[in-house]
PDB file of N, CA and C in Angstrom:
ATOM      1  N   MET A   1      44.089  10.998 -62.234  1.00  0.00           N
ATOM      2  CA  MET A   1      43.779   9.587 -62.194  1.00  0.00           C
ATOM      3  C   MET A   1      44.596   8.950 -61.068  1.00  0.00           C
ATOM      4  N   VAL A   2      43.980   8.017 -60.375  1.00  0.00           N
ATOM      5  CA  VAL A   2      44.617   7.311 -59.270  1.00  0.00           C
ATOM      6  C   VAL A   2      44.620   5.816 -59.584  1.00  0.00           C
ATOM      7  N   HIS A   3      45.744   5.191 -59.314  1.00  0.00           N
ATOM      8  CA  HIS A   3      45.876   3.750 -59.488  1.00  0.00           C
ATOM      9  C   HIS A   3      45.986   3.120 -58.105  1.00  0.00           C
ATOM     10  N   VAL A   4      45.293   2.012 -57.918  1.00  0.00           N
ATOM     11  CA  VAL A   4      45.332   1.298 -56.647  1.00  0.00           C
ATOM     12  C   VAL A   4      45.680  -0.153 -56.928  1.00  0.00           C
ATOM     13  N   LEU A   5      46.600  -0.676 -56.137  1.00  0.00           N
ATOM     14  CA  LEU A   5      46.935  -2.098 -56.161  1.00  0.00           C
ATOM     15  C   LEU A   5      46.617  -2.642 -54.778  1.00  0.00           C
ATOM     16  N   ALA A   6      45.791  -3.669 -54.745  1.00  0.00           N
ATOM     17  CA  ALA A   6      45.425  -4.274 -53.462  1.00  0.00           C
ATOM     18  C   ALA A   6      45.761  -5.758 -53.505  1.00  0.00           C
ATOM     19  N   ARG A   7      46.546  -6.202 -52.526  1.00  0.00           N
ATOM     20  CA  ARG A   7      46.892  -7.617 -52.401  1.00  0.00           C
ATOM     21  C   ARG A   7      46.062  -8.204 -51.275  1.00  0.00           C
ATOM     22  N   ILE A   8      45.323  -9.231 -51.599  1.00  0.00           N
ATOM     23  CA  ILE A   8      44.467  -9.914 -50.626  1.00  0.00           C
ATOM     24  C   ILE A   8      44.993 -11.338 -50.484  1.00  0.00           C
ATOM     25  N   THR A   9      45.363 -11.686 -49.281  1.00  0.00           N
ATOM     26  CA  THR A   9      45.893 -13.016 -49.015  1.00  0.00           C
ATOM     27  C   THR A   9      44.905 -13.771 -48.146  1.00  0.00           C
ATOM     28  N   ALA A  10      44.443 -14.896 -48.679  1.00  0.00           N
ATOM     29  CA  ALA A  10      43.527 -15.761 -47.935  1.00  0.00           C
ATOM     30  C   ALA A  10      44.330 -16.866 -47.257  1.00  0.00           C
ATOM     31  N   GLN A  11      43.699 -17.539 -46.340  1.00  0.00           N
ATOM     32  CA  GLN A  11      44.285 -18.770 -45.827  1.00  0.00           C
ATOM     33  C   GLN A  11      44.284 -19.757 -46.996  1.00  0.00           C
ATOM     34  N   PRO A  12      45.337 -20.563 -47.147  1.00  0.00           N
ATOM     35  CA  PRO A  12      45.409 -21.460 -48.301  1.00  0.00           C
ATOM     36  C   PRO A  12      44.150 -22.309 -48.514  1.00  0.00           C
ATOM     37  N   ALA A  13      43.564 -22.809 -47.460  1.00  0.00           N
ATOM     38  CA  ALA A  13      42.364 -23.646 -47.595  1.00  0.00           C
ATOM     39  C   ALA A  13      41.131 -22.845 -47.992  1.00  0.00           C
ATOM     40  N   SER A  14      41.218 -21.537 -47.933  1.00  0.00           N
ATOM     41  CA  SER A  14      40.078 -20.661 -48.238  1.00  0.00           C
ATOM     42  C   SER A  14      40.176 -19.984 -49.597  1.00  0.00           C
ATOM     43  N   ALA A  15      41.094 -20.434 -50.440  1.00  0.00           N
ATOM     44  CA  ALA A  15      41.301 -19.770 -51.736  1.00  0.00           C
ATOM     45  C   ALA A  15      40.022 -19.724 -52.567  1.00  0.00           C
ATOM     46  N   ASP A  16      39.294 -20.830 -52.659  1.00  0.00           N
ATOM     47  CA  ASP A  16      38.077 -20.861 -53.474  1.00  0.00           C
ATOM     48  C   ASP A  16      36.998 -19.939 -52.907  1.00  0.00           C
ATOM     49  N   ALA A  17      36.849 -19.934 -51.598  1.00  0.00           N
ATOM     50  CA  ALA A  17      35.845 -19.072 -50.970  1.00  0.00           C
ATOM     51  C   ALA A  17      36.189 -17.597 -51.189  1.00  0.00           C
ATOM     52  N   MET A  18      37.451 -17.257 -51.037  1.00  0.00           N
ATOM     53  CA  MET A  18      37.862 -15.866 -51.227  1.00  0.00           C
ATOM     54  C   MET A  18      37.699 -15.459 -52.691  1.00  0.00           C
ATOM     55  N   ARG A  19      38.016 -16.362 -53.583  1.00  0.00           N
ATOM     56  CA  ARG A  19      37.859 -16.054 -55.011  1.00  0.00           C
ATOM     57  C   ARG A  19      36.402 -15.706 -55.325  1.00  0.00           C
ATOM     58  N   ALA A  20      35.455 -16.471 -54.811  1.00  0.00           N
ATOM     59  CA  ALA A  20      34.038 -16.207 -55.049  1.00  0.00           C
ATOM     60  C   ALA A  20      33.625 -14.845 -54.497  1.00  0.00           C
ATOM     61  N   ILE A  21      34.100 -14.506 -53.325  1.00  0.00           N
ATOM     62  CA  ILE A  21      33.793 -13.209 -52.712  1.00  0.00           C
ATOM     63  C   ILE A  21      34.336 -12.078 -53.572  1.00  0.00           C
ATOM     64  N   LEU A  22      35.572 -12.231 -54.023  1.00  0.00           N
ATOM     65  CA  LEU A  22      36.218 -11.169 -54.789  1.00  0.00           C
ATOM     66  C   LEU A  22      35.641 -11.017 -56.190  1.00  0.00           C
ATOM     67  N   VAL A  23      35.271 -12.111 -56.831  1.00  0.00           N
ATOM     68  CA  VAL A  23      34.654 -12.023 -58.161  1.00  0.00           C
ATOM     69  C   VAL A  23      33.340 -11.238 -58.069  1.00  0.00           C
ATOM     70  N   LYS A  24      32.577 -11.482 -57.025  1.00  0.00           N
ATOM     71  CA  LYS A  24      31.326 -10.733 -56.824  1.00  0.00           C
ATOM     72  C   LYS A  24      31.625  -9.248 -56.586  1.00  0.00           C
ATOM     73  N   LEU A  25      32.662  -8.975 -55.813  1.00  0.00           N
ATOM     74  CA  LEU A  25      33.047  -7.588 -55.541  1.00  0.00           C
ATOM     75  C   LEU A  25      33.439  -6.869 -56.831  1.00  0.00           C
ATOM     76  N   VAL A  26      34.169  -7.538 -57.700  1.00  0.00           N
ATOM     77  CA  VAL A  26      34.583  -6.934 -58.966  1.00  0.00           C
ATOM     78  C   VAL A  26      33.366  -6.508 -59.782  1.00  0.00           C
ATOM     79  N   ALA A  27      32.400  -7.392 -59.913  1.00  0.00           N
ATOM     80  CA  ALA A  27      31.205  -7.080 -60.713  1.00  0.00           C
ATOM     81  C   ALA A  27      30.490  -5.847 -60.180  1.00  0.00           C
ATOM     82  N   GLN A  28      30.399  -5.730 -58.868  1.00  0.00           N
ATOM     83  CA  GLN A  28      29.711  -4.576 -58.276  1.00  0.00           C
ATOM     84  C   GLN A  28      30.547  -3.305 -58.400  1.00  0.00           C
ATOM     85  N   THR A  29      31.846  -3.434 -58.217  1.00  0.00           N
ATOM     86  CA  THR A  29      32.729  -2.271 -58.248  1.00  0.00           C
ATOM     87  C   THR A  29      32.790  -1.647 -59.633  1.00  0.00           C
ATOM     88  N   ARG A  30      32.792  -2.453 -60.663  1.00  0.00           N
ATOM     89  CA  ARG A  30      32.883  -1.925 -62.033  1.00  0.00           C
ATOM     90  C   ARG A  30      31.706  -1.018 -62.388  1.00  0.00           C
ATOM     91  N   LYS A  31      30.634  -1.077 -61.640  1.00  0.00           N
ATOM     92  CA  LYS A  31      29.459  -0.234 -61.870  1.00  0.00           C
ATOM     93  C   LYS A  31      29.569   1.125 -61.170  1.00  0.00           C
ATOM     94  N   GLU A  32      30.575   1.292 -60.328  1.00  0.00           N
ATOM     95  CA  GLU A  32      30.698   2.522 -59.548  1.00  0.00           C
ATOM     96  C   GLU A  32      31.101   3.708 -60.422  1.00  0.00           C
ATOM     97  N   SER A  33      30.549   4.858 -60.075  1.00  0.00           N
ATOM     98  CA  SER A  33      30.977   6.099 -60.703  1.00  0.00           C
ATOM     99  C   SER A  33      32.440   6.329 -60.346  1.00  0.00           C
ATOM    100  N   GLY A  34      33.232   6.670 -61.324  1.00  0.00           N
ATOM    101  CA  GLY A  34      34.646   6.935 -61.066  1.00  0.00           C
ATOM    102  C   GLY A  34      35.552   5.741 -61.266  1.00  0.00           C
ATOM    103  N   CYS A  35      34.992   4.563 -61.444  1.00  0.00           N
ATOM    104  CA  CYS A  35      35.800   3.366 -61.685  1.00  0.00           C
ATOM    105  C   CYS A  35      36.109   3.277 -63.173  1.00  0.00           C
ATOM    106  N   LEU A  36      37.382   3.349 -63.515  1.00  0.00           N
ATOM    107  CA  LEU A  36      37.814   3.245 -64.907  1.00  0.00           C
ATOM    108  C   LEU A  36      38.289   1.831 -65.235  1.00  0.00           C
ATOM    109  N   GLN A  37      38.831   1.150 -64.247  1.00  0.00           N
ATOM    110  CA  GLN A  37      39.341  -0.208 -64.429  1.00  0.00           C
ATOM    111  C   GLN A  37      39.370  -0.882 -63.062  1.00  0.00           C
ATOM    112  N   TYR A  38      38.968  -2.139 -63.028  1.00  0.00           N
ATOM    113  CA  TYR A  38      39.034  -2.915 -61.790  1.00  0.00           C
ATOM    114  C   TYR A  38      39.203  -4.368 -62.200  1.00  0.00           C
ATOM    115  N   GLU A  39      40.420  -4.861 -62.070  1.00  0.00           N
ATOM    116  CA  GLU A  39      40.741  -6.217 -62.493  1.00  0.00           C
ATOM    117  C   GLU A  39      41.222  -7.029 -61.304  1.00  0.00           C
ATOM    118  N   LEU A  40      40.943  -8.320 -61.362  1.00  0.00           N
ATOM    119  CA  LEU A  40      41.324  -9.235 -60.285  1.00  0.00           C
ATOM    120  C   LEU A  40      42.220 -10.325 -60.858  1.00  0.00           C
ATOM    121  N   PHE A  41      43.312 -10.585 -60.161  1.00  0.00           N
ATOM    122  CA  PHE A  41      44.264 -11.619 -60.555  1.00  0.00           C
ATOM    123  C   PHE A  41      44.483 -12.584 -59.400  1.00  0.00           C
ATOM    124  N   GLN A  42      44.799 -13.827 -59.754  1.00  0.00           N
ATOM    125  CA  GLN A  42      45.126 -14.854 -58.769  1.00  0.00           C
ATOM    126  C   GLN A  42      46.561 -15.287 -59.062  1.00  0.00           C
ATOM    127  N   GLN A  43      47.388 -15.348 -58.043  1.00  0.00           N
ATOM    128  CA  GLN A  43      48.815 -15.605 -58.235  1.00  0.00           C
ATOM    129  C   GLN A  43      49.073 -17.042 -58.669  1.00  0.00           C
ATOM    130  N   ASP A  44      49.857 -17.197 -59.732  1.00  0.00           N
ATOM    131  CA  ASP A  44      50.267 -18.524 -60.181  1.00  0.00           C
ATOM    132  C   ASP A  44      51.112 -19.183 -59.086  1.00  0.00           C
ATOM    133  N   GLY A  45      50.787 -20.415 -58.770  1.00  0.00           N
ATOM    134  CA  GLY A  45      51.542 -21.156 -57.769  1.00  0.00           C
ATOM    135  C   GLY A  45      51.199 -20.814 -56.332  1.00  0.00           C
ATOM    136  N   ALA A  46      50.312 -19.861 -56.132  1.00  0.00           N
ATOM    137  CA  ALA A  46      49.875 -19.472 -54.785  1.00  0.00           C
ATOM    138  C   ALA A  46      48.425 -19.015 -54.905  1.00  0.00           C
ATOM    139  N   ALA A  47      47.525 -19.963 -55.096  1.00  0.00           N
ATOM    140  CA  ALA A  47      46.124 -19.667 -55.415  1.00  0.00           C
ATOM    141  C   ALA A  47      45.402 -18.886 -54.328  1.00  0.00           C
ATOM    142  N   HIS A  48      45.979 -18.768 -53.161  1.00  0.00           N
ATOM    143  CA  HIS A  48      45.344 -18.037 -52.062  1.00  0.00           C
ATOM    144  C   HIS A  48      45.724 -16.550 -52.048  1.00  0.00           C
ATOM    145  N   VAL A  49      46.537 -16.116 -53.037  1.00  0.00           N
ATOM    146  CA  VAL A  49      46.968 -14.718 -53.106  1.00  0.00           C
ATOM    147  C   VAL A  49      46.312 -14.063 -54.320  1.00  0.00           C
ATOM    148  N   PHE A  50      45.636 -12.942 -54.076  1.00  0.00           N
ATOM    149  CA  PHE A  50      44.895 -12.219 -55.102  1.00  0.00           C
ATOM    150  C   PHE A  50      45.435 -10.794 -55.200  1.00  0.00           C
ATOM    151  N   GLN A  51      45.297 -10.217 -56.377  1.00  0.00           N
ATOM    152  CA  GLN A  51      45.754  -8.847 -56.599  1.00  0.00           C
ATOM    153  C   GLN A  51      44.705  -8.113 -57.422  1.00  0.00           C
ATOM    154  N   THR A  52      44.312  -6.931 -56.968  1.00  0.00           N
ATOM    155  CA  THR A  52      43.479  -6.083 -57.809  1.00  0.00           C
ATOM    156  C   THR A  52      44.366  -5.019 -58.446  1.00  0.00           C
ATOM    157  N   VAL A  53      44.017  -4.643 -59.660  1.00  0.00           N
ATOM    158  CA  VAL A  53      44.644  -3.534 -60.370  1.00  0.00           C
ATOM    159  C   VAL A  53      43.501  -2.594 -60.714  1.00  0.00           C
ATOM    160  N   GLU A  54      43.560  -1.409 -60.158  1.00  0.00           N
ATOM    161  CA  GLU A  54      42.432  -0.485 -60.232  1.00  0.00           C
ATOM    162  C   GLU A  54      42.867   0.870 -60.785  1.00  0.00           C
ATOM    163  N   ARG A  55      41.975   1.501 -61.532  1.00  0.00           N
ATOM    164  CA  ARG A  55      42.152   2.885 -61.974  1.00  0.00           C
ATOM    165  C   ARG A  55      40.873   3.640 -61.643  1.00  0.00           C
ATOM    166  N   TRP A  56      41.047   4.758 -60.985  1.00  0.00           N
ATOM    167  CA  TRP A  56      39.925   5.594 -60.563  1.00  0.00           C
ATOM    168  C   TRP A  56      40.115   6.997 -61.122  1.00  0.00           C
ATOM    169  N   THR A  57      39.028   7.696 -61.351  1.00  0.00           N
ATOM    170  CA  THR A  57      39.112   9.050 -61.899  1.00  0.00           C
ATOM    171  C   THR A  57      39.899   9.980 -60.985  1.00  0.00           C
ATOM    172  N   ASP A  58      39.760   9.773 -59.673  1.00  0.00           N
ATOM    173  CA  ASP A  58      40.476  10.614 -58.705  1.00  0.00           C
ATOM    174  C   ASP A  58      40.457   9.946 -57.334  1.00  0.00           C
ATOM    175  N   GLY A  59      41.136  10.558 -56.401  1.00  0.00           N
ATOM    176  CA  GLY A  59      41.217  10.012 -55.044  1.00  0.00           C
ATOM    177  C   GLY A  59      39.866   9.921 -54.358  1.00  0.00           C
ATOM    178  N   ALA A  60      38.987  10.861 -54.662  1.00  0.00           N
ATOM    179  CA  ALA A  60      37.658  10.842 -54.044  1.00  0.00           C
ATOM    180  C   ALA A  60      36.879   9.596 -54.469  1.00  0.00           C
ATOM    181  N   ALA A  61      37.010   9.205 -55.731  1.00  0.00           N
ATOM    182  CA  ALA A  61      36.310   8.005 -56.215  1.00  0.00           C
ATOM    183  C   ALA A  61      36.879   6.752 -55.558  1.00  0.00           C
ATOM    184  N   ALA A  62      38.192   6.709 -55.411  1.00  0.00           N
ATOM    185  CA  ALA A  62      38.828   5.560 -54.741  1.00  0.00           C
ATOM    186  C   ALA A  62      38.401   5.505 -53.273  1.00  0.00           C
ATOM    187  N   ASP A  63      38.348   6.653 -52.623  1.00  0.00           N
ATOM    188  CA  ASP A  63      37.905   6.706 -51.221  1.00  0.00           C
ATOM    189  C   ASP A  63      36.449   6.275 -51.097  1.00  0.00           C
ATOM    190  N   ALA A  64      35.602   6.743 -52.008  1.00  0.00           N
ATOM    191  CA  ALA A  64      34.181   6.399 -51.963  1.00  0.00           C
ATOM    192  C   ALA A  64      33.989   4.895 -52.120  1.00  0.00           C
ATOM    193  N   HIS A  65      34.803   4.281 -52.958  1.00  0.00           N
ATOM    194  CA  HIS A  65      34.726   2.829 -53.147  1.00  0.00           C
ATOM    195  C   HIS A  65      34.871   2.093 -51.820  1.00  0.00           C
ATOM    196  N   MET A  66      35.795   2.530 -51.002  1.00  0.00           N
ATOM    197  CA  MET A  66      36.052   1.846 -49.732  1.00  0.00           C
ATOM    198  C   MET A  66      34.890   1.979 -48.745  1.00  0.00           C
ATOM    199  N   SER A  67      33.981   2.897 -49.008  1.00  0.00           N
ATOM    200  CA  SER A  67      32.824   3.113 -48.124  1.00  0.00           C
ATOM    201  C   SER A  67      31.537   2.490 -48.656  1.00  0.00           C
ATOM    202  N   THR A  68      31.610   1.740 -49.747  1.00  0.00           N
ATOM    203  CA  THR A  68      30.397   1.169 -50.338  1.00  0.00           C
ATOM    204  C   THR A  68      29.925  -0.056 -49.556  1.00  0.00           C
ATOM    205  N   PRO A  69      28.635  -0.336 -49.629  1.00  0.00           N
ATOM    206  CA  PRO A  69      28.107  -1.534 -48.960  1.00  0.00           C
ATOM    207  C   PRO A  69      28.733  -2.830 -49.494  1.00  0.00           C
ATOM    208  N   HIS A  70      29.068  -2.875 -50.785  1.00  0.00           N
ATOM    209  CA  HIS A  70      29.631  -4.124 -51.313  1.00  0.00           C
ATOM    210  C   HIS A  70      31.063  -4.361 -50.813  1.00  0.00           C
ATOM    211  N   VAL A  71      31.831  -3.311 -50.551  1.00  0.00           N
ATOM    212  CA  VAL A  71      33.151  -3.504 -49.939  1.00  0.00           C
ATOM    213  C   VAL A  71      32.980  -3.980 -48.500  1.00  0.00           C
ATOM    214  N   ALA A  72      32.059  -3.361 -47.773  1.00  0.00           N
ATOM    215  CA  ALA A  72      31.807  -3.785 -46.392  1.00  0.00           C
ATOM    216  C   ALA A  72      31.363  -5.246 -46.345  1.00  0.00           C
ATOM    217  N   ALA A  73      30.513  -5.645 -47.283  1.00  0.00           N
ATOM    218  CA  ALA A  73      30.047  -7.033 -47.322  1.00  0.00           C
ATOM    219  C   ALA A  73      31.193  -7.989 -47.637  1.00  0.00           C
ATOM    220  N   ALA A  74      32.057  -7.612 -48.577  1.00  0.00           N
ATOM    221  CA  ALA A  74      33.187  -8.474 -48.928  1.00  0.00           C
ATOM    222  C   ALA A  74      34.138  -8.644 -47.748  1.00  0.00           C
ATOM    223  N   ILE A  75      34.375  -7.572 -47.026  1.00  0.00           N
ATOM    224  CA  ILE A  75      35.249  -7.656 -45.852  1.00  0.00           C
ATOM    225  C   ILE A  75      34.613  -8.549 -44.789  1.00  0.00           C
ATOM    226  N   ALA A  76      33.324  -8.377 -44.566  1.00  0.00           N
ATOM    227  CA  ALA A  76      32.636  -9.207 -43.570  1.00  0.00           C
ATOM    228  C   ALA A  76      32.633 -10.676 -43.976  1.00  0.00           C
ATOM    229  N   GLN A  77      32.336 -10.948 -45.241  1.00  0.00           N
ATOM    230  CA  GLN A  77      32.304 -12.335 -45.710  1.00  0.00           C
ATOM    231  C   GLN A  77      33.696 -12.958 -45.725  1.00  0.00           C
ATOM    232  N   GLY A  78      34.694 -12.166 -46.026  1.00  0.00           N
ATOM    233  CA  GLY A  78      36.060 -12.679 -46.111  1.00  0.00           C
ATOM    234  C   GLY A  78      36.759 -12.786 -44.779  1.00  0.00           C
ATOM    235  N   GLY A  79      36.195 -12.193 -43.741  1.00  0.00           N
ATOM    236  CA  GLY A  79      36.849 -12.114 -42.439  1.00  0.00           C
ATOM    237  C   GLY A  79      37.494 -13.399 -41.962  1.00  0.00           C
ATOM    238  N   ALA A  80      36.755 -14.491 -42.002  1.00  0.00           N
ATOM    239  CA  ALA A  80      37.275 -15.774 -41.511  1.00  0.00           C
ATOM    240  C   ALA A  80      38.254 -16.404 -42.491  1.00  0.00           C
ATOM    241  N   HIS A  81      38.341 -15.867 -43.697  1.00  0.00           N
ATOM    242  CA  HIS A  81      39.189 -16.461 -44.736  1.00  0.00           C
ATOM    243  C   HIS A  81      40.521 -15.743 -44.924  1.00  0.00           C
ATOM    244  N   PHE A  82      40.648 -14.544 -44.348  1.00  0.00           N
ATOM    245  CA  PHE A  82      41.887 -13.789 -44.532  1.00  0.00           C
ATOM    246  C   PHE A  82      43.064 -14.500 -43.875  1.00  0.00           C
ATOM    247  N   GLY A  83      44.185 -14.538 -44.604  1.00  0.00           N
ATOM    248  CA  GLY A  83      45.425 -15.070 -44.045  1.00  0.00           C
ATOM    249  C   GLY A  83      46.318 -13.949 -43.553  1.00  0.00           C
ATOM    250  N   ALA A  84      46.038 -12.737 -44.011  1.00  0.00           N
ATOM    251  CA  ALA A  84      46.778 -11.531 -43.625  1.00  0.00           C
ATOM    252  C   ALA A  84      45.885 -10.334 -43.927  1.00  0.00           C
ATOM    253  N   ALA A  85      46.230  -9.226 -43.330  1.00  0.00           N
ATOM    254  CA  ALA A  85      45.481  -8.000 -43.613  1.00  0.00           C
ATOM    255  C   ALA A  85      45.729  -7.599 -45.066  1.00  0.00           C
ATOM    256  N   PRO A  86      44.703  -7.119 -45.768  1.00  0.00           N
ATOM    257  CA  PRO A  86      44.916  -6.663 -47.142  1.00  0.00           C
ATOM    258  C   PRO A  86      45.949  -5.535 -47.190  1.00  0.00           C
ATOM    259  N   GLU A  87      46.747  -5.538 -48.237  1.00  0.00           N
ATOM    260  CA  GLU A  87      47.726  -4.476 -48.461  1.00  0.00           C
ATOM    261  C   GLU A  87      47.212  -3.632 -49.626  1.00  0.00           C
ATOM    262  N   ILE A  88      46.891  -2.378 -49.341  1.00  0.00           N
ATOM    263  CA  ILE A  88      46.309  -1.499 -50.344  1.00  0.00           C
ATOM    264  C   ILE A  88      47.267  -0.324 -50.555  1.00  0.00           C
ATOM    265  N   LEU A  89      47.725  -0.202 -51.805  1.00  0.00           N
ATOM    266  CA  LEU A  89      48.694   0.840 -52.143  1.00  0.00           C
ATOM    267  C   LEU A  89      48.106   1.730 -53.230  1.00  0.00           C
ATOM    268  N   ARG A  90      48.275   3.029 -53.069  1.00  0.00           N
ATOM    269  CA  ARG A  90      47.746   3.999 -54.033  1.00  0.00           C
ATOM    270  C   ARG A  90      48.916   4.669 -54.749  1.00  0.00           C
ATOM    271  N   PHE A  91      48.769   4.812 -56.081  1.00  0.00           N
ATOM    272  CA  PHE A  91      49.822   5.399 -56.897  1.00  0.00           C
ATOM    273  C   PHE A  91      49.242   6.470 -57.800  1.00  0.00           C
ATOM    274  N   THR A  92      50.058   7.467 -58.109  1.00  0.00           N
ATOM    275  CA  THR A  92      49.741   8.456 -59.125  1.00  0.00           C
ATOM    276  C   THR A  92      50.719   8.242 -60.270  1.00  0.00           C
ATOM    277  N   GLN A  93      50.216   8.108 -61.468  1.00  0.00           N
ATOM    278  CA  GLN A  93      51.066   7.864 -62.633  1.00  0.00           C
ATOM    279  C   GLN A  93      51.872   9.119 -62.947  1.00  0.00           C
ATOM    280  N   ILE A  94      53.160   8.942 -63.160  1.00  0.00           N
ATOM    281  CA  ILE A  94      54.025  10.096 -63.434  1.00  0.00           C
ATOM    282  C   ILE A  94      54.643  10.033 -64.838  1.00  0.00           C
ATOM    283  N   ALA A  95      54.543   8.914 -65.513  1.00  0.00           N
ATOM    284  CA  ALA A  95      55.089   8.815 -66.885  1.00  0.00           C
ATOM    285  C   ALA A  95      54.314   7.775 -67.666  1.00  0.00           C
TER     286      ALA A  95
END
């Protein structure tokens, strides 16, 4: 099992637009083969900062997710709204 944490930072004025893009992405991602969990959070006190908490069956499923049309669409739609490059970290649970 692979865990992924992705931090997406929008420009402060684009928080609502980014939220809409990401909520749509979540709905599509949860249908993917290999997706065990895909949750989206918005940071308290910093509404332009989002965090995904993801669990995938394996690294191949996580990699395949990044190549889906809905990820490409979210990146394209979010392009003008990003305040920083997304930070995507992959973890393997050890305990």
